[in-house]
Amino acid sequence: MEPETRKARMKIAPWLVLFFLAPAIGELLSGSSPPAEFFSPFGLTLLCLLYGGGAILVRELAYRWGGGWRMVLLLGAAYGIIEEGLMVKSWFDPNWMDLGVLGTYGRFAGVHWVWAAGLTLYHTVYSIGLPILLTTILFPARRDEPWVSRRGLIVLLALFFADVVVGFLWMTPYRPPAAAYLLTAIGTAVLIWIARRTAAPHSVPEARPLGGPWRVFILAFGWAIAFFIQLWALPSTRMPALAWLALLAAFSWASVALAKRLEAGAVFVSPRHVLALGSGVLTFLVLLAPLQEMDKSRADNTTGMGVVAAAAALFLIWMAWRLRIRPRPEPPARGMF
């Protein structure tokens, strides 16, 4: 293979991996779209343009705007609002298929507030943050450079919003109230504006590691358990919805604070620590996936979720092995970016 061809293929690799990894985590591994649904030609195209396109846009904007992981999380939250609020309208639709008890719990003025807040945090972490984190670890030599050209970014942005429009028109016939929908769109724009003004820190404080990678893994896994207990179990109790929202706000604050330390390089002193963070948060979904295949109460076809879980576990193990055998690269000038 000619050096120029090899170099061209290396340049396409990070965004291509992210394009498929984001929907694989956000939809496939989570069980929202089991294999029979995920790997249909139309479904795969729709989900890759949505999740993969969104993750690439977030990563590229954060890099070009000089931001770090706080900016990634803020833009990831904006992505979550675009998907759930503006595209599929699950924020408003009282008959949305996945609501369950959240169809009534926390619903006020025509908005599922608890659902909206919980899903926004989910998409921030699982659909956007984790895929970018894992892809950055996979391609350390390219973490401080753009992954797509300016023209490619414009084309991807057009395809992403075309995908959102198709989803809005095709997925359900429900149409939300115009005022609520307009306020959601404005809120998304404001969140992106806030993210744009969130620059990465220029100074790197003294490293204060949380411990070895296994300790980071356990803490991250505990965070995931606590989050999903709050999202799935607590709404069935008599906890007031406002208290639930306050608790989720604490989770969000902790995530942003952790991102601040991560982008400054002050907590995780090696790529193995960063991978332990991502693996701990992701392992909850890995363990959950086979249980979804055993769930006979689900109306959709969950066959193959056990295989998906095994593939995800092997992927994380391979990444850990890869970090152990390769030399550690020098940190870039701007933290993870």
Protein backbone atom coordinates (compact mmCIF):
# COMPACT_ATOMS: atom_id res chain seq x y z
CA MET A 1 0.00 0.00 0.00
CA GLU A 2 1.30 3.43 -0.96
CA PRO A 3 2.17 5.78 1.93
CA GLU A 4 -0.35 8.37 0.67
CA THR A 5 -3.16 5.79 0.61
CA ARG A 6 -2.26 4.53 4.08
CA LYS A 7 -2.22 8.08 5.40
CA ALA A 8 -5.63 8.83 3.83
CA ARG A 9 -7.12 5.76 5.45
CA MET A 10 -5.66 6.73 8.81
CA LYS A 11 -7.29 10.16 8.49
CA ILE A 12 -10.75 8.71 7.90
CA ALA A 13 -10.58 6.18 10.73
CA PRO A 14 -11.50 8.24 13.85
CA TRP A 15 -14.69 9.80 12.54
CA LEU A 16 -15.72 6.56 10.86
CA VAL A 17 -15.34 4.64 14.13
CA LEU A 18 -17.27 7.32 16.00
CA PHE A 19 -19.99 7.30 13.32
CA PHE A 20 -20.84 3.66 14.13
CA LEU A 21 -19.80 3.52 17.79
CA ALA A 22 -22.24 6.22 18.95
CA PRO A 23 -25.41 4.43 17.75
CA ALA A 24 -23.97 1.07 18.82
CA ILE A 25 -23.80 2.33 22.42
CA GLY A 26 -26.77 4.69 22.51
CA GLU A 27 -29.28 2.41 20.76
CA LEU A 28 -27.98 -1.13 20.24
CA LEU A 29 -26.24 -1.92 23.53
CA SER A 30 -28.88 -0.08 25.53
CA GLY A 31 -31.56 -2.30 23.99
CA SER A 32 -33.55 0.63 22.62
CA SER A 33 -33.02 -0.84 19.15
CA PRO A 34 -32.24 -4.60 19.38
CA PRO A 35 -30.25 -6.24 16.57
CA ALA A 36 -33.27 -7.09 14.39
CA GLU A 37 -34.26 -3.43 14.37
CA PHE A 38 -30.81 -1.85 14.54
CA PHE A 39 -29.32 -3.73 11.58
CA SER A 40 -32.19 -3.10 9.17
CA PRO A 41 -30.91 -0.92 6.30
CA PHE A 42 -33.27 1.97 7.00
CA GLY A 43 -32.85 1.80 10.78
CA LEU A 44 -29.06 1.64 10.58
CA THR A 45 -28.91 4.61 8.22
CA LEU A 46 -31.27 6.69 10.35
CA LEU A 47 -29.49 5.88 13.61
CA CYS A 48 -25.95 6.37 12.28
CA LEU A 49 -26.78 9.76 10.79
CA LEU A 50 -28.47 10.77 14.05
CA TYR A 51 -26.15 9.39 16.72
CA GLY A 52 -22.94 9.13 14.72
CA GLY A 53 -23.49 12.44 12.97
CA GLY A 54 -24.36 14.11 16.27
CA ALA A 55 -21.29 12.73 18.05
CA ILE A 56 -18.95 13.82 15.24
CA LEU A 57 -20.48 17.30 15.19
CA VAL A 58 -20.07 17.61 18.97
CA ARG A 59 -16.46 16.45 18.87
CA GLU A 60 -15.53 18.71 15.98
CA LEU A 61 -17.26 21.78 17.39
CA ALA A 62 -15.63 21.24 20.78
CA TYR A 63 -12.24 20.97 19.12
CA ARG A 64 -12.69 23.96 16.78
CA TRP A 65 -14.16 26.15 19.51
CA GLY A 66 -11.24 25.42 21.82
CA GLY A 67 -13.36 23.58 24.37
CA GLY A 68 -12.88 20.49 26.47
CA TRP A 69 -15.05 17.89 28.12
CA ARG A 70 -17.40 20.42 29.73
CA MET A 71 -18.18 21.70 26.25
CA VAL A 72 -18.67 18.13 25.03
CA LEU A 73 -21.20 17.48 27.80
CA LEU A 74 -23.08 20.72 27.17
CA LEU A 75 -23.25 20.03 23.44
CA GLY A 76 -24.21 16.44 24.25
CA ALA A 77 -27.12 17.77 26.30
CA ALA A 78 -28.15 19.90 23.32
CA TYR A 79 -28.03 16.77 21.18
CA GLY A 80 -30.29 14.97 23.66
CA ILE A 81 -32.83 17.79 23.44
CA ILE A 82 -32.72 17.73 19.64
CA GLU A 83 -33.33 13.97 19.51
CA GLU A 84 -35.95 13.55 22.23
CA GLY A 85 -37.57 16.98 22.17
CA LEU A 86 -37.40 18.15 18.57
CA MET A 87 -37.14 14.93 16.54
CA VAL A 88 -39.12 12.12 18.20
CA LYS A 89 -41.15 14.51 20.42
CA SER A 90 -41.07 12.12 23.38
CA TRP A 91 -40.86 15.15 25.69
CA PHE A 92 -44.46 15.94 24.82
CA ASP A 93 -46.17 12.87 23.32
CA PRO A 94 -48.39 11.24 26.00
CA ASN A 95 -48.47 8.00 23.95
CA TRP A 96 -44.73 7.64 23.41
CA MET A 97 -43.96 3.90 23.49
CA ASP A 98 -41.11 3.93 26.02
CA LEU A 99 -42.56 6.18 28.72
CA GLY A 100 -44.10 3.64 31.09
CA VAL A 101 -44.69 5.22 34.49
CA LEU A 102 -42.94 8.37 33.28
CA GLY A 103 -45.98 9.04 31.11
CA THR A 104 -47.70 10.46 34.19
CA TYR A 105 -44.90 10.94 36.72
CA GLY A 106 -43.50 14.44 36.42
CA ARG A 107 -45.79 15.48 33.56
CA PHE A 108 -46.84 19.11 33.79
CA ALA A 109 -48.12 21.62 31.22
CA GLY A 110 -47.90 19.00 28.48
CA VAL A 111 -44.21 18.14 29.12
CA HIS A 112 -42.73 14.94 30.59
CA TRP A 113 -40.21 16.80 32.77
CA VAL A 114 -38.71 13.76 34.50
CA TRP A 115 -38.41 11.85 31.25
CA ALA A 116 -36.92 14.89 29.50
CA ALA A 117 -34.30 15.47 32.20
CA GLY A 118 -33.35 11.81 32.55
CA LEU A 119 -33.04 11.16 28.82
CA THR A 120 -31.05 14.34 28.31
CA LEU A 121 -28.45 13.15 30.83
CA TYR A 122 -28.52 9.66 29.29
CA HIS A 123 -27.79 10.98 25.80
CA THR A 124 -25.16 13.37 27.15
CA VAL A 125 -23.19 10.53 28.71
CA TYR A 126 -23.97 7.40 26.70
CA SER A 127 -24.82 8.65 23.21
CA ILE A 128 -22.20 11.41 22.96
CA GLY A 129 -19.65 11.51 25.78
CA LEU A 130 -18.67 7.83 25.94
CA PRO A 131 -18.31 7.26 22.18
CA ILE A 132 -16.10 10.35 21.88
CA LEU A 133 -14.07 9.27 24.92
CA LEU A 134 -13.47 5.75 23.61
CA THR A 135 -12.66 6.93 20.08
CA THR A 136 -10.18 9.47 21.46
CA ILE A 137 -8.44 6.68 23.38
CA LEU A 138 -8.31 4.54 20.24
CA PHE A 139 -6.62 7.31 18.22
CA PRO A 140 -4.30 9.15 20.63
CA ALA A 141 -2.12 10.56 17.87
CA ARG A 142 -5.11 12.38 16.36
CA ARG A 143 -6.78 13.71 19.50
CA ASP A 144 -5.39 17.22 18.99
CA GLU A 145 -6.43 17.70 15.38
CA PRO A 146 -9.70 17.88 13.39
CA TRP A 147 -11.20 14.60 12.22
CA VAL A 148 -13.23 16.01 9.32
CA SER A 149 -12.70 18.90 6.94
CA ARG A 150 -14.76 22.07 7.06
CA ARG A 151 -16.66 20.98 3.96
CA GLY A 152 -17.27 17.55 5.48
CA LEU A 153 -18.58 19.21 8.63
CA ILE A 154 -21.09 21.26 6.63
CA VAL A 155 -22.26 18.19 4.69
CA LEU A 156 -22.61 16.21 7.93
CA LEU A 157 -24.57 19.03 9.55
CA ALA A 158 -26.99 19.08 6.60
CA LEU A 159 -27.43 15.29 6.72
CA PHE A 160 -27.95 15.39 10.50
CA PHE A 161 -30.74 17.94 10.32
CA ALA A 162 -32.31 16.17 7.33
CA ASP A 163 -32.35 13.05 9.49
CA VAL A 164 -34.04 14.99 12.30
CA VAL A 165 -36.71 16.28 9.92
CA VAL A 166 -37.36 12.77 8.56
CA GLY A 167 -37.71 11.47 12.12
CA PHE A 168 -40.06 14.28 13.07
CA LEU A 169 -42.36 13.60 10.12
CA TRP A 170 -42.14 9.80 9.99
CA MET A 171 -41.78 8.32 13.48
CA THR A 172 -45.12 9.36 14.99
CA PRO A 173 -48.09 11.44 13.81
CA TYR A 174 -48.05 13.40 17.08
CA ARG A 175 -47.38 17.13 16.77
CA PRO A 176 -46.52 19.04 19.96
CA PRO A 177 -47.98 22.46 20.80
CA ALA A 178 -46.22 25.11 18.75
CA ALA A 179 -45.29 27.28 21.75
CA ALA A 180 -43.69 24.40 23.68
CA TYR A 181 -41.84 23.20 20.60
CA LEU A 182 -40.55 26.69 19.84
CA LEU A 183 -39.34 27.17 23.42
CA THR A 184 -37.52 23.83 23.22
CA ALA A 185 -35.77 24.93 20.02
CA ILE A 186 -34.81 28.24 21.63
CA GLY A 187 -33.53 26.43 24.72
CA THR A 188 -31.37 24.22 22.53
CA ALA A 189 -29.87 27.25 20.79
CA VAL A 190 -29.17 28.91 24.15
CA LEU A 191 -27.45 25.75 25.42
CA ILE A 192 -25.24 25.64 22.34
CA TRP A 193 -24.41 29.33 22.86
CA ILE A 194 -23.43 28.62 26.48
CA ALA A 195 -21.28 25.72 25.32
CA ARG A 196 -19.61 27.97 22.74
CA ARG A 197 -18.49 30.28 25.53
CA THR A 198 -17.12 27.43 27.65
CA ALA A 199 -13.42 27.28 26.91
CA ALA A 200 -11.03 24.64 28.17
CA PRO A 201 -8.69 25.71 31.00
CA HIS A 202 -5.25 26.88 29.99
CA SER A 203 -3.51 25.86 33.20
CA VAL A 204 -3.17 22.26 34.35
CA PRO A 205 -3.30 21.81 38.15
CA GLU A 206 -1.23 19.29 40.02
CA ALA A 207 -2.40 15.72 39.41
CA ARG A 208 -4.48 14.26 42.23
CA PRO A 209 -5.43 10.77 41.05
CA LEU A 210 -8.41 8.97 42.55
CA GLY A 211 -6.35 5.80 42.78
CA GLY A 212 -5.66 2.96 40.39
CA PRO A 213 -7.76 2.25 37.31
CA TRP A 214 -9.82 -0.39 39.14
CA ARG A 215 -10.91 2.14 41.72
CA VAL A 216 -11.95 4.53 38.96
CA PHE A 217 -13.84 1.67 37.28
CA ILE A 218 -15.76 0.83 40.46
CA LEU A 219 -16.66 4.47 41.08
CA ALA A 220 -17.87 4.90 37.49
CA PHE A 221 -19.87 1.66 37.65
CA GLY A 222 -21.46 2.85 40.90
CA TRP A 223 -22.42 6.11 39.23
CA ALA A 224 -24.14 4.21 36.42
CA ILE A 225 -26.07 2.00 38.87
CA ALA A 226 -27.21 5.03 40.85
CA PHE A 227 -28.28 6.87 37.70
CA PHE A 228 -30.39 4.02 36.34
CA ILE A 229 -31.93 3.31 39.73
CA GLN A 230 -33.02 6.92 39.79
CA LEU A 231 -34.28 6.80 36.20
CA TRP A 232 -36.19 3.51 36.46
CA ALA A 233 -36.93 2.72 40.11
CA LEU A 234 -37.49 5.99 41.97
CA PRO A 235 -40.41 7.19 39.79
CA SER A 236 -42.36 4.15 41.07
CA THR A 237 -42.01 5.40 44.65
CA ARG A 238 -43.81 8.32 46.24
CA MET A 239 -40.86 10.66 45.80
CA PRO A 240 -42.11 14.05 44.59
CA ALA A 241 -41.11 14.80 41.03
CA LEU A 242 -39.41 18.04 42.09
CA ALA A 243 -37.20 16.08 44.51
CA TRP A 244 -36.37 13.67 41.70
CA LEU A 245 -35.36 16.55 39.45
CA ALA A 246 -33.21 18.03 42.23
CA LEU A 247 -31.44 14.69 42.64
CA LEU A 248 -30.78 14.50 38.91
CA ALA A 249 -29.42 18.03 39.01
CA ALA A 250 -26.86 16.80 41.56
CA PHE A 251 -25.86 14.00 39.17
CA SER A 252 -25.47 16.51 36.36
CA TRP A 253 -23.38 18.83 38.51
CA ALA A 254 -21.11 15.92 39.48
CA SER A 255 -20.70 14.98 35.81
CA VAL A 256 -19.73 18.52 34.82
CA ALA A 257 -17.34 18.79 37.79
CA LEU A 258 -15.73 15.49 36.78
CA ALA A 259 -15.42 16.70 33.20
CA LYS A 260 -13.70 19.83 34.47
CA ARG A 261 -11.10 17.75 36.30
CA LEU A 262 -10.75 15.38 33.36
CA GLU A 263 -10.06 18.08 30.79
CA ALA A 264 -7.52 19.68 33.12
CA GLY A 265 -5.67 16.38 33.47
CA ALA A 266 -5.81 16.61 37.26
CA VAL A 267 -7.55 13.36 38.18
CA PHE A 268 -6.80 10.76 35.53
CA VAL A 269 -3.07 10.53 35.11
CA SER A 270 -3.00 7.91 32.34
CA PRO A 271 -5.13 6.67 29.43
CA ARG A 272 -5.86 3.55 31.51
CA HIS A 273 -7.63 5.72 34.09
CA VAL A 274 -9.69 7.34 31.35
CA LEU A 275 -10.60 3.95 29.87
CA ALA A 276 -11.54 2.71 33.36
CA LEU A 277 -13.94 5.64 33.64
CA GLY A 278 -15.61 4.85 30.32
CA SER A 279 -15.65 1.09 30.95
CA GLY A 280 -17.23 1.50 34.37
CA VAL A 281 -20.07 3.62 33.04
CA LEU A 282 -20.57 1.32 30.05
CA THR A 283 -20.41 -1.99 31.96
CA PHE A 284 -23.89 -1.43 33.37
CA LEU A 285 -25.33 -1.65 29.85
CA VAL A 286 -23.13 -4.65 29.07
CA LEU A 287 -24.57 -6.55 32.05
CA LEU A 288 -28.10 -5.41 31.28
CA ALA A 289 -28.14 -6.47 27.63
CA PRO A 290 -28.46 -10.29 28.15
CA LEU A 291 -31.25 -9.71 30.67
CA GLN A 292 -33.19 -7.85 28.00
CA GLU A 293 -33.01 -10.88 25.74
CA MET A 294 -34.56 -12.95 28.54
CA ASP A 295 -37.35 -10.43 29.13
CA LYS A 296 -40.47 -12.08 27.72
CA SER A 297 -42.62 -9.05 28.51
CA ARG A 298 -41.02 -6.98 25.76
CA ALA A 299 -43.06 -6.73 22.58
CA ASP A 300 -40.04 -6.29 20.28
CA ASN A 301 -37.56 -8.95 19.19
CA THR A 302 -34.57 -8.85 21.56
CA THR A 303 -32.79 -11.88 20.08
CA GLY A 304 -29.03 -11.32 19.92
CA MET A 305 -28.68 -8.92 22.85
CA GLY A 306 -26.43 -11.46 24.59
CA VAL A 307 -24.12 -11.46 21.57
CA VAL A 308 -24.11 -7.66 21.60
CA ALA A 309 -23.10 -7.69 25.28
CA ALA A 310 -20.29 -10.17 24.63
CA ALA A 311 -19.00 -8.09 21.72
CA ALA A 312 -19.02 -4.93 23.85
CA ALA A 313 -17.16 -6.67 26.68
CA LEU A 314 -14.53 -8.01 24.29
CA PHE A 315 -14.16 -4.54 22.78
CA LEU A 316 -13.41 -3.02 26.19
CA ILE A 317 -10.99 -5.85 27.06
CA TRP A 318 -9.21 -5.36 23.72
CA MET A 319 -8.88 -1.63 24.39
CA ALA A 320 -7.39 -2.31 27.83
CA TRP A 321 -4.93 -4.82 26.35
CA ARG A 322 -4.00 -2.35 23.62
CA LEU A 323 -3.19 0.33 26.19
CA ARG A 324 -0.91 -2.05 28.08
CA ILE A 325 1.25 -2.96 25.09
CA ARG A 326 1.63 0.39 23.33
CA PRO A 327 3.82 3.30 24.47
CA ARG A 328 1.95 6.08 26.22
CA PRO A 329 1.83 9.21 24.00
CA GLU A 330 2.63 12.63 25.30
CA PRO A 331 -0.45 14.60 26.40
CA PRO A 332 -1.65 17.19 23.89
CA ALA A 333 -1.54 20.89 24.53
CA ARG A 334 -5.24 21.14 25.36
CA GLY A 335 -6.03 18.17 27.59
CA MET A 336 -8.01 15.42 25.81
CA PHE A 337 -8.37 17.66 22.73
